Amino acid sequence: MKVPKGTWVQIRQIVLKPEERAPQVPNDTKKVPLELRVKGFLEEDASIGDEVTITTLIGRKLKGRLEAVNPRYEHDFGEPIPELLTIGQKLRQFLFEEE
């Protein structure tokens, strides 16, 4: 599948090979490369797996292997913590309480 220039994509880049990892990292971590995944706009027509250049939203140009087309943001902040849900209200009460 050809992906046209200008498409929102995600690339993957190997930052450090396993043998380049710092000696103090845990052994299971040392066995795998340090990877970077970045989203941006494709600079040239390409296919999944091709080495490409992208331009990020802040204008950085990066090279890497094309991994995904129109990638989703999959992160979140986890489950709500009940104690934190009301802390703002309690703090405002405490700070602005009429004497």
Protein backbone atom coordinates (compact mmCIF):
# COMPACT_ATOMS: atom_id res chain seq x y z
CA MET A 1 0.00 0.00 0.00
CA LYS A 2 1.46 3.36 -1.05
CA VAL A 3 1.16 6.10 1.53
CA PRO A 4 1.06 9.57 -0.05
CA LYS A 5 3.28 12.46 0.96
CA GLY A 6 1.68 14.66 3.63
CA THR A 7 -0.10 11.78 5.41
CA TRP A 8 -0.02 11.69 9.24
CA VAL A 9 2.18 8.69 10.12
CA GLN A 10 4.30 7.14 12.85
CA ILE A 11 7.93 6.15 12.44
CA ARG A 12 10.20 3.99 14.58
CA GLN A 13 13.86 4.70 15.11
CA ILE A 14 16.50 2.68 16.98
CA VAL A 15 18.21 5.13 19.33
CA LEU A 16 20.60 2.64 20.97
CA LYS A 17 21.45 -0.93 20.02
CA PRO A 18 21.48 -3.44 22.90
CA GLU A 19 25.28 -3.35 23.11
CA GLU A 20 25.19 0.46 23.40
CA ARG A 21 22.87 0.52 26.43
CA ALA A 22 24.20 1.91 29.72
CA PRO A 23 25.78 -0.69 32.02
CA GLN A 24 23.49 0.19 34.96
CA VAL A 25 20.23 -0.68 33.20
CA PRO A 26 18.56 -3.96 34.25
CA ASN A 27 19.69 -7.09 32.39
CA ASP A 28 16.33 -7.66 30.67
CA THR A 29 16.43 -4.05 29.42
CA LYS A 30 19.99 -4.43 28.08
CA LYS A 31 18.82 -7.22 25.78
CA VAL A 32 16.59 -4.96 23.66
CA PRO A 33 17.28 -1.77 21.69
CA LEU A 34 16.08 1.62 22.91
CA GLU A 35 13.38 2.63 20.42
CA LEU A 36 11.78 5.97 19.62
CA ARG A 37 8.34 6.28 18.04
CA VAL A 38 7.36 9.65 16.61
CA LYS A 39 4.33 10.94 14.72
CA GLY A 40 4.47 13.47 11.91
CA PHE A 41 3.71 14.27 8.29
CA LEU A 42 5.31 12.09 5.62
CA GLU A 43 7.76 13.94 3.38
CA GLU A 44 7.58 11.53 0.43
CA ASP A 45 5.37 8.75 -0.91
CA ALA A 46 6.29 5.48 0.81
CA SER A 47 5.14 2.05 1.95
CA ILE A 48 4.98 0.55 5.44
CA GLY A 49 8.49 -0.57 6.38
CA ASP A 50 10.30 1.99 4.21
CA GLU A 51 12.92 4.33 5.64
CA VAL A 52 11.27 7.77 5.48
CA THR A 53 11.50 11.37 6.65
CA ILE A 54 8.70 13.05 8.57
CA THR A 55 8.06 16.57 9.81
CA THR A 56 6.66 16.73 13.34
CA LEU A 57 4.06 19.24 14.51
CA ILE A 58 6.83 21.47 15.87
CA GLY A 59 8.76 21.33 12.59
CA ARG A 60 11.47 18.78 13.40
CA LYS A 61 12.56 16.53 10.56
CA LEU A 62 13.25 12.95 11.62
CA LYS A 63 14.10 9.75 9.77
CA GLY A 64 12.90 6.29 10.67
CA ARG A 65 11.05 3.20 9.51
CA LEU A 66 7.42 3.86 8.55
CA GLU A 67 5.32 1.94 11.07
CA ALA A 68 1.71 3.20 10.97
CA VAL A 69 -0.65 5.39 8.97
CA ASN A 70 -3.01 7.76 10.82
CA PRO A 71 -1.88 6.43 14.22
CA ARG A 72 -4.08 6.87 17.29
CA TYR A 73 -3.00 8.33 20.58
CA GLU A 74 -3.38 5.39 22.95
CA HIS A 75 -2.17 6.84 26.24
CA ASP A 76 -4.34 7.94 29.11
CA PHE A 77 -3.93 8.79 32.76
CA GLY A 78 -5.28 5.51 34.10
CA GLU A 79 -8.21 4.89 36.40
CA PRO A 80 -9.55 7.79 38.47
CA ILE A 81 -8.22 7.99 42.03
CA PRO A 82 -11.22 8.68 44.31
CA GLU A 83 -9.18 10.66 46.84
CA LEU A 84 -7.99 13.06 44.12
CA LEU A 85 -11.42 13.69 42.62
CA THR A 86 -12.54 15.97 45.46
CA ILE A 87 -9.23 17.46 46.55
CA GLY A 88 -9.70 20.62 44.47
CA GLN A 89 -13.06 21.33 46.07
CA LYS A 90 -11.70 20.70 49.56
CA LEU A 91 -8.70 22.95 48.93
CA ARG A 92 -10.89 25.81 47.69
CA GLN A 93 -13.10 25.42 50.78
CA PHE A 94 -10.05 25.51 53.01
CA LEU A 95 -8.44 28.51 51.28
CA PHE A 96 -11.52 30.65 50.80
CA GLU A 97 -13.55 29.67 53.84
CA GLU A 98 -15.36 32.58 55.45
CA GLU A 99 -14.22 33.15 59.00
